[in-house]
């Protein structure tokens, strides 16, 4: 068999395999979080948010969905975060969308506690 035919058959089989793999991984909602920031964001987004009443009074527009949006689109500053704690790690998240600002969250086992919130 000629080399050109072999390469052609290989490419056809490889492309069919990629199509099947794409369909399988698309249905499973698979995520590939390789970086530390992506892993922390994925963990934070799975938890229930608890906002203290003091912060709700200061920021009337603060909601759970807004916090999730800021986590998803924000940047985690690991140099200002406290990640070596035993109970709840504290993460400093900078808001990088239209509104500039930052907030601190305590990542506990089952909940996500908002410690401070500041929009500039």
PDB file of N, CA and C in Angstrom:
ATOM      1  N   UNK A   1       0.856  -1.171   0.000  1.00  0.00           N
ATOM      2  CA  UNK A   1       0.000   0.000   0.000  1.00  0.00           C
ATOM      3  C   UNK A   1       0.899   1.230   0.000  1.00  0.00           C
ATOM      4  N   UNK A   2       0.510   2.192  -0.778  1.00  0.00           N
ATOM      5  CA  UNK A   2       1.314   3.393  -0.889  1.00  0.00           C
ATOM      6  C   UNK A   2       1.246   4.212   0.388  1.00  0.00           C
ATOM      7  N   UNK A   3       2.278   4.971   0.618  1.00  0.00           N
ATOM      8  CA  UNK A   3       2.370   5.801   1.819  1.00  0.00           C
ATOM      9  C   UNK A   3       1.257   6.843   1.855  1.00  0.00           C
ATOM     10  N   UNK A   4       0.891   7.370   0.720  1.00  0.00           N
ATOM     11  CA  UNK A   4      -0.159   8.389   0.673  1.00  0.00           C
ATOM     12  C   UNK A   4      -1.502   7.810   1.090  1.00  0.00           C
ATOM     13  N   UNK A   5      -1.808   6.571   0.701  1.00  0.00           N
ATOM     14  CA  UNK A   5      -3.047   5.920   1.114  1.00  0.00           C
ATOM     15  C   UNK A   5      -3.055   5.674   2.624  1.00  0.00           C
ATOM     16  N   UNK A   6      -1.929   5.255   3.148  1.00  0.00           N
ATOM     17  CA  UNK A   6      -1.829   5.013   4.586  1.00  0.00           C
ATOM     18  C   UNK A   6      -2.102   6.303   5.378  1.00  0.00           C
ATOM     19  N   UNK A   7      -1.511   7.383   4.956  1.00  0.00           N
ATOM     20  CA  UNK A   7      -1.714   8.670   5.629  1.00  0.00           C
ATOM     21  C   UNK A   7      -3.173   9.093   5.520  1.00  0.00           C
ATOM     22  N   UNK A   8      -3.790   8.873   4.365  1.00  0.00           N
ATOM     23  CA  UNK A   8      -5.196   9.212   4.173  1.00  0.00           C
ATOM     24  C   UNK A   8      -6.101   8.416   5.089  1.00  0.00           C
ATOM     25  N   UNK A   9      -5.898   7.077   5.165  1.00  0.00           N
ATOM     26  CA  UNK A   9      -6.702   6.244   6.059  1.00  0.00           C
ATOM     27  C   UNK A   9      -6.497   6.641   7.521  1.00  0.00           C
ATOM     28  N   UNK A  10      -5.264   6.944   7.883  1.00  0.00           N
ATOM     29  CA  UNK A  10      -4.974   7.364   9.251  1.00  0.00           C
ATOM     30  C   UNK A  10      -5.732   8.649   9.581  1.00  0.00           C
ATOM     31  N   UNK A  11      -5.701   9.626   8.697  1.00  0.00           N
ATOM     32  CA  UNK A  11      -6.372  10.894   8.950  1.00  0.00           C
ATOM     33  C   UNK A  11      -7.889  10.733   9.012  1.00  0.00           C
ATOM     34  N   UNK A  12      -8.453   9.869   8.197  1.00  0.00           N
ATOM     35  CA  UNK A  12      -9.905   9.618   8.240  1.00  0.00           C
ATOM     36  C   UNK A  12     -10.278   8.990   9.590  1.00  0.00           C
ATOM     37  N   UNK A  13      -9.551   7.976  10.018  1.00  0.00           N
ATOM     38  CA  UNK A  13      -9.831   7.334  11.301  1.00  0.00           C
ATOM     39  C   UNK A  13      -9.620   8.278  12.475  1.00  0.00           C
ATOM     40  N   UNK A  14      -8.578   9.078  12.399  1.00  0.00           N
ATOM     41  CA  UNK A  14      -8.290  10.033  13.469  1.00  0.00           C
ATOM     42  C   UNK A  14      -9.399  11.075  13.580  1.00  0.00           C
ATOM     43  N   UNK A  15      -9.890  11.576  12.438  1.00  0.00           N
ATOM     44  CA  UNK A  15     -10.939  12.594  12.479  1.00  0.00           C
ATOM     45  C   UNK A  15     -12.264  12.006  12.980  1.00  0.00           C
ATOM     46  N   UNK A  16     -12.597  10.773  12.615  1.00  0.00           N
ATOM     47  CA  UNK A  16     -13.807  10.126  13.132  1.00  0.00           C
ATOM     48  C   UNK A  16     -13.687   9.946  14.644  1.00  0.00           C
ATOM     49  N   UNK A  17     -12.535   9.554  15.114  1.00  0.00           N
ATOM     50  CA  UNK A  17     -12.309   9.411  16.557  1.00  0.00           C
ATOM     51  C   UNK A  17     -12.450  10.732  17.289  1.00  0.00           C
ATOM     52  N   UNK A  18     -11.964  11.807  16.717  1.00  0.00           N
ATOM     53  CA  UNK A  18     -12.105  13.129  17.341  1.00  0.00           C
ATOM     54  C   UNK A  18     -13.566  13.557  17.427  1.00  0.00           C
ATOM     55  N   UNK A  19     -14.342  13.238  16.404  1.00  0.00           N
ATOM     56  CA  UNK A  19     -15.765  13.589  16.420  1.00  0.00           C
ATOM     57  C   UNK A  19     -16.477  12.831  17.545  1.00  0.00           C
ATOM     58  N   UNK A  20     -16.219  11.528  17.666  1.00  0.00           N
ATOM     59  CA  UNK A  20     -16.827  10.743  18.748  1.00  0.00           C
ATOM     60  C   UNK A  20     -16.391  11.257  20.119  1.00  0.00           C
ATOM     61  N   UNK A  21     -15.133  11.565  20.260  1.00  0.00           N
ATOM     62  CA  UNK A  21     -14.614  12.066  21.530  1.00  0.00           C
ATOM     63  C   UNK A  21     -15.247  13.408  21.890  1.00  0.00           C
ATOM     64  N   UNK A  22     -15.461  14.261  20.909  1.00  0.00           N
ATOM     65  CA  UNK A  22     -16.101  15.551  21.148  1.00  0.00           C
ATOM     66  C   UNK A  22     -17.521  15.375  21.651  1.00  0.00           C
ATOM     67  N   UNK A  23     -18.277  14.479  21.049  1.00  0.00           N
ATOM     68  CA  UNK A  23     -19.646  14.233  21.494  1.00  0.00           C
ATOM     69  C   UNK A  23     -19.694  13.641  22.905  1.00  0.00           C
ATOM     70  N   UNK A  24     -18.797  12.732  23.198  1.00  0.00           N
ATOM     71  CA  UNK A  24     -18.783  12.093  24.520  1.00  0.00           C
ATOM     72  C   UNK A  24     -18.426  13.109  25.595  1.00  0.00           C
ATOM     73  N   UNK A  25     -17.388  13.906  25.387  1.00  0.00           N
ATOM     74  CA  UNK A  25     -16.968  14.871  26.401  1.00  0.00           C
ATOM     75  C   UNK A  25     -17.949  16.027  26.520  1.00  0.00           C
ATOM     76  N   UNK A  26     -18.662  16.344  25.457  1.00  0.00           N
ATOM     77  CA  UNK A  26     -19.641  17.427  25.515  1.00  0.00           C
ATOM     78  C   UNK A  26     -20.833  17.030  26.386  1.00  0.00           C
ATOM     79  N   UNK A  27     -21.271  15.805  26.313  1.00  0.00           N
ATOM     80  CA  UNK A  27     -22.412  15.331  27.095  1.00  0.00           C
ATOM     81  C   UNK A  27     -22.064  15.190  28.572  1.00  0.00           C
ATOM     82  N   UNK A  28     -20.807  14.937  28.906  1.00  0.00           N
ATOM     83  CA  UNK A  28     -20.412  14.719  30.293  1.00  0.00           C
ATOM     84  C   UNK A  28     -20.135  16.014  31.048  1.00  0.00           C
ATOM     85  N   UNK A  29     -20.148  17.159  30.384  1.00  0.00           N
ATOM     86  CA  UNK A  29     -19.832  18.448  31.008  1.00  0.00           C
ATOM     87  C   UNK A  29     -18.465  18.391  31.701  1.00  0.00           C
ATOM     88  N   UNK A  30     -17.483  17.890  30.994  1.00  0.00           N
ATOM     89  CA  UNK A  30     -16.146  17.727  31.528  1.00  0.00           C
ATOM     90  C   UNK A  30     -15.418  19.065  31.558  1.00  0.00           C
ATOM     91  N   UNK A  31     -14.704  19.317  32.661  1.00  0.00           N
ATOM     92  CA  UNK A  31     -13.898  20.532  32.794  1.00  0.00           C
ATOM     93  C   UNK A  31     -12.438  20.136  32.936  1.00  0.00           C
ATOM     94  N   UNK A  32     -11.563  20.939  32.387  1.00  0.00           N
ATOM     95  CA  UNK A  32     -10.138  20.711  32.504  1.00  0.00           C
ATOM     96  C   UNK A  32      -9.525  21.931  33.188  1.00  0.00           C
ATOM     97  N   UNK A  33      -9.458  21.891  34.514  1.00  0.00           N
ATOM     98  CA  UNK A  33      -8.922  22.989  35.295  1.00  0.00           C
ATOM     99  C   UNK A  33      -7.487  22.661  35.677  1.00  0.00           C
ATOM    100  N   UNK A  34      -6.549  23.137  34.884  1.00  0.00           N
ATOM    101  CA  UNK A  34      -5.154  22.805  35.123  1.00  0.00           C
ATOM    102  C   UNK A  34      -4.460  23.828  36.005  1.00  0.00           C
ATOM    103  N   UNK A  35      -4.807  25.098  35.891  1.00  0.00           N
ATOM    104  CA  UNK A  35      -4.144  26.133  36.664  1.00  0.00           C
ATOM    105  C   UNK A  35      -4.720  26.257  38.056  1.00  0.00           C
ATOM    106  N   UNK A  36      -3.941  26.785  39.006  1.00  0.00           N
ATOM    107  CA  UNK A  36      -4.449  26.931  40.370  1.00  0.00           C
ATOM    108  C   UNK A  36      -5.629  27.889  40.453  1.00  0.00           C
ATOM    109  N   UNK A  37      -5.623  28.940  39.676  1.00  0.00           N
ATOM    110  CA  UNK A  37      -6.721  29.896  39.693  1.00  0.00           C
ATOM    111  C   UNK A  37      -8.011  29.250  39.205  1.00  0.00           C
ATOM    112  N   UNK A  38      -7.945  28.460  38.173  1.00  0.00           N
ATOM    113  CA  UNK A  38      -9.129  27.788  37.636  1.00  0.00           C
ATOM    114  C   UNK A  38      -9.678  26.763  38.620  1.00  0.00           C
ATOM    115  N   UNK A  39      -8.794  26.050  39.319  1.00  0.00           N
ATOM    116  CA  UNK A  39      -9.246  25.061  40.302  1.00  0.00           C
ATOM    117  C   UNK A  39      -9.945  25.730  41.469  1.00  0.00           C
ATOM    118  N   UNK A  40      -9.387  26.859  41.952  1.00  0.00           N
ATOM    119  CA  UNK A  40     -10.000  27.568  43.071  1.00  0.00           C
ATOM    120  C   UNK A  40     -11.348  28.147  42.655  1.00  0.00           C
ATOM    121  N   UNK A  41     -11.423  28.741  41.468  1.00  0.00           N
ATOM    122  CA  UNK A  41     -12.692  29.295  40.988  1.00  0.00           C
ATOM    123  C   UNK A  41     -13.757  28.207  40.872  1.00  0.00           C
ATOM    124  N   UNK A  42     -13.392  27.051  40.346  1.00  0.00           N
ATOM    125  CA  UNK A  42     -14.339  25.948  40.212  1.00  0.00           C
ATOM    126  C   UNK A  42     -14.845  25.507  41.582  1.00  0.00           C
ATOM    127  N   UNK A  43     -13.951  25.443  42.556  1.00  0.00           N
ATOM    128  CA  UNK A  43     -14.337  25.068  43.914  1.00  0.00           C
ATOM    129  C   UNK A  43     -15.251  26.119  44.532  1.00  0.00           C
ATOM    130  N   UNK A  44     -14.953  27.397  44.340  1.00  0.00           N
ATOM    131  CA  UNK A  44     -15.766  28.461  44.912  1.00  0.00           C
ATOM    132  C   UNK A  44     -17.163  28.506  44.303  1.00  0.00           C
ATOM    133  N   UNK A  45     -17.265  28.235  43.025  1.00  0.00           N
ATOM    134  CA  UNK A  45     -18.553  28.308  42.345  1.00  0.00           C
ATOM    135  C   UNK A  45     -19.499  27.172  42.737  1.00  0.00           C
ATOM    136  N   UNK A  46     -18.988  26.120  43.341  1.00  0.00           N
ATOM    137  CA  UNK A  46     -19.822  24.991  43.751  1.00  0.00           C
ATOM    138  C   UNK A  46     -20.444  25.189  45.131  1.00  0.00           C
ATOM    139  N   UNK A  47     -20.012  26.203  45.859  1.00  0.00           N
ATOM    140  CA  UNK A  47     -20.442  26.377  47.244  1.00  0.00           C
ATOM    141  C   UNK A  47     -21.575  27.386  47.365  1.00  0.00           C
ATOM    142  N   UNK A  48     -22.325  27.266  48.461  1.00  0.00           N
ATOM    143  CA  UNK A  48     -23.419  28.190  48.751  1.00  0.00           C
ATOM    144  C   UNK A  48     -22.840  29.465  49.370  1.00  0.00           C
ATOM    145  N   UNK A  49     -23.288  30.618  48.883  1.00  0.00           N
ATOM    146  CA  UNK A  49     -22.774  31.904  49.332  1.00  0.00           C
ATOM    147  C   UNK A  49     -23.541  32.382  50.558  1.00  0.00           C
ATOM    148  N   UNK A  50     -22.795  32.861  51.553  1.00  0.00           N
ATOM    149  CA  UNK A  50     -23.394  33.487  52.732  1.00  0.00           C
ATOM    150  C   UNK A  50     -22.872  34.916  52.825  1.00  0.00           C
ATOM    151  N   UNK A  51     -23.802  35.875  52.710  1.00  0.00           N
ATOM    152  CA  UNK A  51     -23.439  37.295  52.751  1.00  0.00           C
ATOM    153  C   UNK A  51     -23.912  37.865  54.089  1.00  0.00           C
ATOM    154  N   UNK A  52     -23.019  38.472  54.874  1.00  0.00           N
ATOM    155  CA  UNK A  52     -23.441  39.063  56.142  1.00  0.00           C
ATOM    156  C   UNK A  52     -24.410  40.229  55.919  1.00  0.00           C
ATOM    157  N   UNK A  53     -25.293  40.427  56.882  1.00  0.00           N
ATOM    158  CA  UNK A  53     -26.298  41.497  56.756  1.00  0.00           C
ATOM    159  C   UNK A  53     -25.642  42.873  56.693  1.00  0.00           C
ATOM    160  N   UNK A  54     -24.498  43.041  57.336  1.00  0.00           N
ATOM    161  CA  UNK A  54     -23.773  44.322  57.280  1.00  0.00           C
ATOM    162  C   UNK A  54     -23.397  44.681  55.838  1.00  0.00           C
ATOM    163  N   UNK A  55     -22.907  43.697  55.097  1.00  0.00           N
ATOM    164  CA  UNK A  55     -22.547  43.947  53.693  1.00  0.00           C
ATOM    165  C   UNK A  55     -23.774  44.167  52.831  1.00  0.00           C
ATOM    166  N   UNK A  56     -24.865  43.495  53.149  1.00  0.00           N
ATOM    167  CA  UNK A  56     -26.095  43.692  52.381  1.00  0.00           C
ATOM    168  C   UNK A  56     -26.656  45.095  52.580  1.00  0.00           C
ATOM    169  N   UNK A  57     -26.496  45.646  53.772  1.00  0.00           N
ATOM    170  CA  UNK A  57     -26.955  47.011  54.026  1.00  0.00           C
ATOM    171  C   UNK A  57     -26.086  48.019  53.282  1.00  0.00           C
ATOM    172  N   UNK A  58     -24.769  47.804  53.283  1.00  0.00           N
ATOM    173  CA  UNK A  58     -23.850  48.721  52.600  1.00  0.00           C
ATOM    174  C   UNK A  58     -23.999  48.646  51.083  1.00  0.00           C
ATOM    175  N   UNK A  59     -24.206  47.457  50.550  1.00  0.00           N
ATOM    176  CA  UNK A  59     -24.314  47.232  49.099  1.00  0.00           C
ATOM    177  C   UNK A  59     -25.660  46.587  48.812  1.00  0.00           C
ATOM    178  N   UNK A  60     -26.634  47.374  48.451  1.00  0.00           N
ATOM    179  CA  UNK A  60     -27.983  46.858  48.242  1.00  0.00           C
ATOM    180  C   UNK A  60     -28.096  45.948  47.021  1.00  0.00           C
ATOM    181  N   UNK A  61     -27.200  46.127  46.062  1.00  0.00           N
ATOM    182  CA  UNK A  61     -27.275  45.335  44.830  1.00  0.00           C
ATOM    183  C   UNK A  61     -26.515  44.011  44.931  1.00  0.00           C
ATOM    184  N   UNK A  62     -25.905  43.735  46.074  1.00  0.00           N
ATOM    185  CA  UNK A  62     -25.099  42.530  46.242  1.00  0.00           C
ATOM    186  C   UNK A  62     -25.997  41.300  46.372  1.00  0.00           C
ATOM    187  N   UNK A  63     -25.845  40.357  45.438  1.00  0.00           N
ATOM    188  CA  UNK A  63     -26.619  39.118  45.446  1.00  0.00           C
ATOM    189  C   UNK A  63     -25.688  37.927  45.210  1.00  0.00           C
ATOM    190  N   UNK A  64     -26.234  36.735  45.387  1.00  0.00           N
ATOM    191  CA  UNK A  64     -25.454  35.520  45.136  1.00  0.00           C
ATOM    192  C   UNK A  64     -25.007  35.437  43.686  1.00  0.00           C
ATOM    193  N   UNK A  65     -25.905  35.749  42.776  1.00  0.00           N
ATOM    194  CA  UNK A  65     -25.562  35.651  41.351  1.00  0.00           C
ATOM    195  C   UNK A  65     -24.488  36.661  40.968  1.00  0.00           C
ATOM    196  N   UNK A  66     -24.481  37.834  41.594  1.00  0.00           N
ATOM    197  CA  UNK A  66     -23.442  38.824  41.327  1.00  0.00           C
ATOM    198  C   UNK A  66     -22.089  38.331  41.842  1.00  0.00           C
ATOM    199  N   UNK A  67     -22.089  37.698  43.002  1.00  0.00           N
ATOM    200  CA  UNK A  67     -20.852  37.140  43.553  1.00  0.00           C
ATOM    201  C   UNK A  67     -20.312  36.046  42.638  1.00  0.00           C
ATOM    202  N   UNK A  68     -21.191  35.162  42.169  1.00  0.00           N
ATOM    203  CA  UNK A  68     -20.750  34.109  41.240  1.00  0.00           C
ATOM    204  C   UNK A  68     -20.194  34.706  39.951  1.00  0.00           C
ATOM    205  N   UNK A  69     -20.830  35.772  39.441  1.00  0.00           N
ATOM    206  CA  UNK A  69     -20.348  36.432  38.230  1.00  0.00           C
ATOM    207  C   UNK A  69     -18.957  37.022  38.454  1.00  0.00           C
ATOM    208  N   UNK A  70     -18.760  37.681  39.602  1.00  0.00           N
ATOM    209  CA  UNK A  70     -17.458  38.276  39.899  1.00  0.00           C
ATOM    210  C   UNK A  70     -16.382  37.216  40.112  1.00  0.00           C
ATOM    211  N   UNK A  71     -16.734  36.097  40.701  1.00  0.00           N
ATOM    212  CA  UNK A  71     -15.761  35.014  40.869  1.00  0.00           C
ATOM    213  C   UNK A  71     -15.364  34.460  39.504  1.00  0.00           C
ATOM    214  N   UNK A  72     -16.363  34.228  38.655  1.00  0.00           N
ATOM    215  CA  UNK A  72     -16.097  33.656  37.336  1.00  0.00           C
ATOM    216  C   UNK A  72     -15.233  34.579  36.474  1.00  0.00           C
ATOM    217  N   UNK A  73     -15.485  35.888  36.549  1.00  0.00           N
ATOM    218  CA  UNK A  73     -14.777  36.837  35.684  1.00  0.00           C
ATOM    219  C   UNK A  73     -13.651  37.576  36.383  1.00  0.00           C
ATOM    220  N   UNK A  74     -13.468  37.350  37.670  1.00  0.00           N
ATOM    221  CA  UNK A  74     -12.435  38.052  38.422  1.00  0.00           C
ATOM    222  C   UNK A  74     -11.099  37.345  38.374  1.00  0.00           C
ATOM    223  N   UNK A  75     -10.143  37.951  39.067  1.00  0.00           N
ATOM    224  CA  UNK A  75      -8.792  37.412  39.142  1.00  0.00           C
ATOM    225  C   UNK A  75      -8.449  37.160  40.602  1.00  0.00           C
ATOM    226  N   UNK A  76      -7.977  35.982  40.911  1.00  0.00           N
ATOM    227  CA  UNK A  76      -7.597  35.659  42.277  1.00  0.00           C
ATOM    228  C   UNK A  76      -6.158  36.103  42.500  1.00  0.00           C
ATOM    229  N   UNK A  77      -5.957  36.942  43.508  1.00  0.00           N
ATOM    230  CA  UNK A  77      -4.624  37.429  43.855  1.00  0.00           C
ATOM    231  C   UNK A  77      -4.099  36.546  44.982  1.00  0.00           C
ATOM    232  N   UNK A  78      -3.236  35.596  44.636  1.00  0.00           N
ATOM    233  CA  UNK A  78      -2.744  34.645  45.618  1.00  0.00           C
ATOM    234  C   UNK A  78      -1.751  35.271  46.585  1.00  0.00           C
ATOM    235  N   UNK A  79      -1.099  36.368  46.212  1.00  0.00           N
ATOM    236  CA  UNK A  79      -0.154  36.995  47.123  1.00  0.00           C
ATOM    237  C   UNK A  79      -0.864  37.669  48.296  1.00  0.00           C
ATOM    238  N   UNK A  80      -2.108  38.089  48.121  1.00  0.00           N
ATOM    239  CA  UNK A  80      -2.879  38.698  49.201  1.00  0.00           C
ATOM    240  C   UNK A  80      -3.805  37.697  49.882  1.00  0.00           C
ATOM    241  N   UNK A  81      -3.883  36.488  49.365  1.00  0.00           N
ATOM    242  CA  UNK A  81      -4.761  35.451  49.925  1.00  0.00           C
ATOM    243  C   UNK A  81      -4.041  34.690  51.031  1.00  0.00           C
ATOM    244  N   UNK A  82      -4.825  34.088  51.901  1.00  0.00           N
ATOM    245  CA  UNK A  82      -4.285  33.258  52.982  1.00  0.00           C
ATOM    246  C   UNK A  82      -4.700  31.813  52.715  1.00  0.00           C
ATOM    247  N   UNK A  83      -3.804  31.064  52.082  1.00  0.00           N
ATOM    248  CA  UNK A  83      -4.149  29.712  51.639  1.00  0.00           C
ATOM    249  C   UNK A  83      -3.587  28.609  52.526  1.00  0.00           C
ATOM    250  N   UNK A  84      -2.896  28.944  53.586  1.00  0.00           N
ATOM    251  CA  UNK A  84      -2.263  27.928  54.437  1.00  0.00           C
ATOM    252  C   UNK A  84      -3.046  27.657  55.716  1.00  0.00           C
ATOM    253  N   UNK A  85      -4.306  28.099  55.781  1.00  0.00           N
ATOM    254  CA  UNK A  85      -5.106  27.894  56.991  1.00  0.00           C
ATOM    255  C   UNK A  85      -5.653  26.478  57.048  1.00  0.00           C
ATOM    256  N   UNK A  86      -5.966  26.039  58.269  1.00  0.00           N
ATOM    257  CA  UNK A  86      -6.522  24.698  58.453  1.00  0.00           C
ATOM    258  C   UNK A  86      -8.014  24.647  58.156  1.00  0.00           C
ATOM    259  N   UNK A  87      -8.762  25.660  58.614  1.00  0.00           N
ATOM    260  CA  UNK A  87     -10.220  25.585  58.501  1.00  0.00           C
ATOM    261  C   UNK A  87     -10.737  26.204  57.204  1.00  0.00           C
ATOM    262  N   UNK A  88     -10.676  27.512  57.073  1.00  0.00           N
ATOM    263  CA  UNK A  88     -11.237  28.205  55.906  1.00  0.00           C
ATOM    264  C   UNK A  88     -10.162  29.077  55.263  1.00  0.00           C
ATOM    265  N   UNK A  89      -9.793  28.740  54.063  1.00  0.00           N
ATOM    266  CA  UNK A  89      -8.836  29.577  53.335  1.00  0.00           C
ATOM    267  C   UNK A  89      -9.505  30.885  52.911  1.00  0.00           C
ATOM    268  N   UNK A  90      -8.748  31.962  52.931  1.00  0.00           N
ATOM    269  CA  UNK A  90      -9.275  33.273  52.560  1.00  0.00           C
ATOM    270  C   UNK A  90      -8.650  33.666  51.226  1.00  0.00           C
ATOM    271  N   UNK A  91      -9.521  33.992  50.260  1.00  0.00           N
ATOM    272  CA  UNK A  91      -9.060  34.379  48.929  1.00  0.00           C
ATOM    273  C   UNK A  91      -9.433  35.821  48.649  1.00  0.00           C
ATOM    274  N   UNK A  92      -8.502  36.545  48.044  1.00  0.00           N
ATOM    275  CA  UNK A  92      -8.670  37.937  47.652  1.00  0.00           C
ATOM    276  C   UNK A  92      -8.938  37.940  46.151  1.00  0.00           C
ATOM    277  N   UNK A  93     -10.124  38.358  45.756  1.00  0.00           N
ATOM    278  CA  UNK A  93     -10.525  38.314  44.345  1.00  0.00           C
ATOM    279  C   UNK A  93     -10.691  39.735  43.834  1.00  0.00           C
ATOM    280  N   UNK A  94     -10.007  40.047  42.763  1.00  0.00           N
ATOM    281  CA  UNK A  94     -10.091  41.369  42.143  1.00  0.00           C
ATOM    282  C   UNK A  94     -11.110  41.324  41.020  1.00  0.00           C
ATOM    283  N   UNK A  95     -12.001  42.313  41.017  1.00  0.00           N
ATOM    284  CA  UNK A  95     -13.045  42.392  39.993  1.00  0.00           C
ATOM    285  C   UNK A  95     -12.445  43.055  38.772  1.00  0.00           C
ATOM    286  N   UNK A  96     -12.516  42.383  37.632  1.00  0.00           N
ATOM    287  CA  UNK A  96     -11.874  42.902  36.428  1.00  0.00           C
ATOM    288  C   UNK A  96     -12.860  43.235  35.322  1.00  0.00           C
ATOM    289  N   UNK A  97     -14.155  43.174  35.616  1.00  0.00           N
ATOM    290  CA  UNK A  97     -15.133  43.511  34.575  1.00  0.00           C
ATOM    291  C   UNK A  97     -15.318  45.031  34.545  1.00  0.00           C
ATOM    292  N   UNK A  98     -16.475  45.524  34.144  1.00  0.00           N
ATOM    293  CA  UNK A  98     -16.716  46.957  34.031  1.00  0.00           C
ATOM    294  C   UNK A  98     -16.473  47.692  35.348  1.00  0.00           C
ATOM    295  N   UNK A  99     -16.968  47.134  36.438  1.00  0.00           N
ATOM    296  CA  UNK A  99     -16.748  47.729  37.753  1.00  0.00           C
ATOM    297  C   UNK A  99     -15.423  47.227  38.306  1.00  0.00           C
ATOM    298  N   UNK A 100     -14.614  48.132  38.769  1.00  0.00           N
ATOM    299  CA  UNK A 100     -13.356  47.728  39.396  1.00  0.00           C
ATOM    300  C   UNK A 100     -13.591  47.595  40.892  1.00  0.00           C
ATOM    301  N   UNK A 101     -12.859  46.724  41.520  1.00  0.00           N
ATOM    302  CA  UNK A 101     -12.995  46.544  42.948  1.00  0.00           C
ATOM    303  C   UNK A 101     -12.382  45.229  43.378  1.00  0.00           C
ATOM    304  N   UNK A 102     -12.707  44.819  44.593  1.00  0.00           N
ATOM    305  CA  UNK A 102     -12.192  43.577  45.133  1.00  0.00           C
ATOM    306  C   UNK A 102     -13.131  43.075  46.219  1.00  0.00           C
ATOM    307  N   UNK A 103     -12.985  41.818  46.563  1.00  0.00           N
ATOM    308  CA  UNK A 103     -13.683  41.262  47.716  1.00  0.00           C
ATOM    309  C   UNK A 103     -12.900  40.084  48.256  1.00  0.00           C
ATOM    310  N   UNK A 104     -13.120  39.800  49.540  1.00  0.00           N
ATOM    311  CA  UNK A 104     -12.469  38.677  50.205  1.00  0.00           C
ATOM    312  C   UNK A 104     -13.531  37.648  50.558  1.00  0.00           C
ATOM    313  N   UNK A 105     -13.196  36.393  50.324  1.00  0.00           N
ATOM    314  CA  UNK A 105     -14.107  35.308  50.651  1.00  0.00           C
ATOM    315  C   UNK A 105     -13.384  34.272  51.496  1.00  0.00           C
ATOM    316  N   UNK A 106     -14.125  33.657  52.408  1.00  0.00           N
ATOM    317  CA  UNK A 106     -13.604  32.551  53.202  1.00  0.00           C
ATOM    318  C   UNK A 106     -14.178  31.261  52.623  1.00  0.00           C
ATOM    319  N   UNK A 107     -13.318  30.426  52.103  1.00  0.00           N
ATOM    320  CA  UNK A 107     -13.717  29.178  51.458  1.00  0.00           C
ATOM    321  C   UNK A 107     -13.744  28.078  52.507  1.00  0.00           C
ATOM    322  N   UNK A 108     -14.897  27.879  53.126  1.00  0.00           N
ATOM    323  CA  UNK A 108     -15.061  26.833  54.132  1.00  0.00           C
ATOM    324  C   UNK A 108     -15.482  25.532  53.448  1.00  0.00           C
ATOM    325  N   UNK A 109     -15.706  24.505  54.245  1.00  0.00           N
ATOM    326  CA  UNK A 109     -15.975  23.181  53.674  1.00  0.00           C
ATOM    327  C   UNK A 109     -17.233  23.138  52.820  1.00  0.00           C
ATOM    328  N   UNK A 110     -18.331  23.751  53.312  1.00  0.00           N
ATOM    329  CA  UNK A 110     -19.587  23.696  52.577  1.00  0.00           C
ATOM    330  C   UNK A 110     -20.110  25.056  52.150  1.00  0.00           C
ATOM    331  N   UNK A 111     -19.562  26.120  52.695  1.00  0.00           N
ATOM    332  CA  UNK A 111     -20.078  27.456  52.396  1.00  0.00           C
ATOM    333  C   UNK A 111     -18.969  28.385  51.933  1.00  0.00           C
ATOM    334  N   UNK A 112     -19.389  29.472  51.344  1.00  0.00           N
ATOM    335  CA  UNK A 112     -18.495  30.526  50.880  1.00  0.00           C
ATOM    336  C   UNK A 112     -18.933  31.808  51.579  1.00  0.00           C
ATOM    337  N   UNK A 113     -18.163  32.254  52.559  1.00  0.00           N
ATOM    338  CA  UNK A 113     -18.514  33.423  53.349  1.00  0.00           C
ATOM    339  C   UNK A 113     -17.845  34.668  52.784  1.00  0.00           C
ATOM    340  N   UNK A 114     -18.622  35.697  52.520  1.00  0.00           N
ATOM    341  CA  UNK A 114     -18.084  36.954  52.018  1.00  0.00           C
ATOM    342  C   UNK A 114     -17.616  37.764  53.221  1.00  0.00           C
ATOM    343  N   UNK A 115     -16.321  38.111  53.255  1.00  0.00           N
ATOM    344  CA  UNK A 115     -15.761  38.856  54.368  1.00  0.00           C
ATOM    345  C   UNK A 115     -15.803  40.356  54.133  1.00  0.00           C
ATOM    346  N   UNK A 116     -15.451  40.774  52.940  1.00  0.00           N
ATOM    347  CA  UNK A 116     -15.483  42.200  52.604  1.00  0.00           C
ATOM    348  C   UNK A 116     -15.763  42.343  51.120  1.00  0.00           C
ATOM    349  N   UNK A 117     -16.339  43.478  50.764  1.00  0.00           N
ATOM    350  CA  UNK A 117     -16.708  43.749  49.366  1.00  0.00           C
ATOM    351  C   UNK A 117     -16.534  45.235  49.105  1.00  0.00           C
ATOM    352  N   UNK A 118     -15.805  45.585  48.042  1.00  0.00           N
ATOM    353  CA  UNK A 118     -15.561  46.983  47.728  1.00  0.00           C
ATOM    354  C   UNK A 118     -15.573  47.176  46.225  1.00  0.00           C
ATOM    355  N   UNK A 119     -16.501  47.983  45.742  1.00  0.00           N
ATOM    356  CA  UNK A 119     -16.527  48.367  44.316  1.00  0.00           C
ATOM    357  C   UNK A 119     -15.981  49.777  44.202  1.00  0.00           C
ATOM    358  N   UNK A 120     -15.106  49.979  43.273  1.00  0.00           N
ATOM    359  CA  UNK A 120     -14.515  51.311  43.084  1.00  0.00           C
ATOM    360  C   UNK A 120     -15.219  52.083  41.998  1.00  0.00           C
TER     361      UNK A 120
END
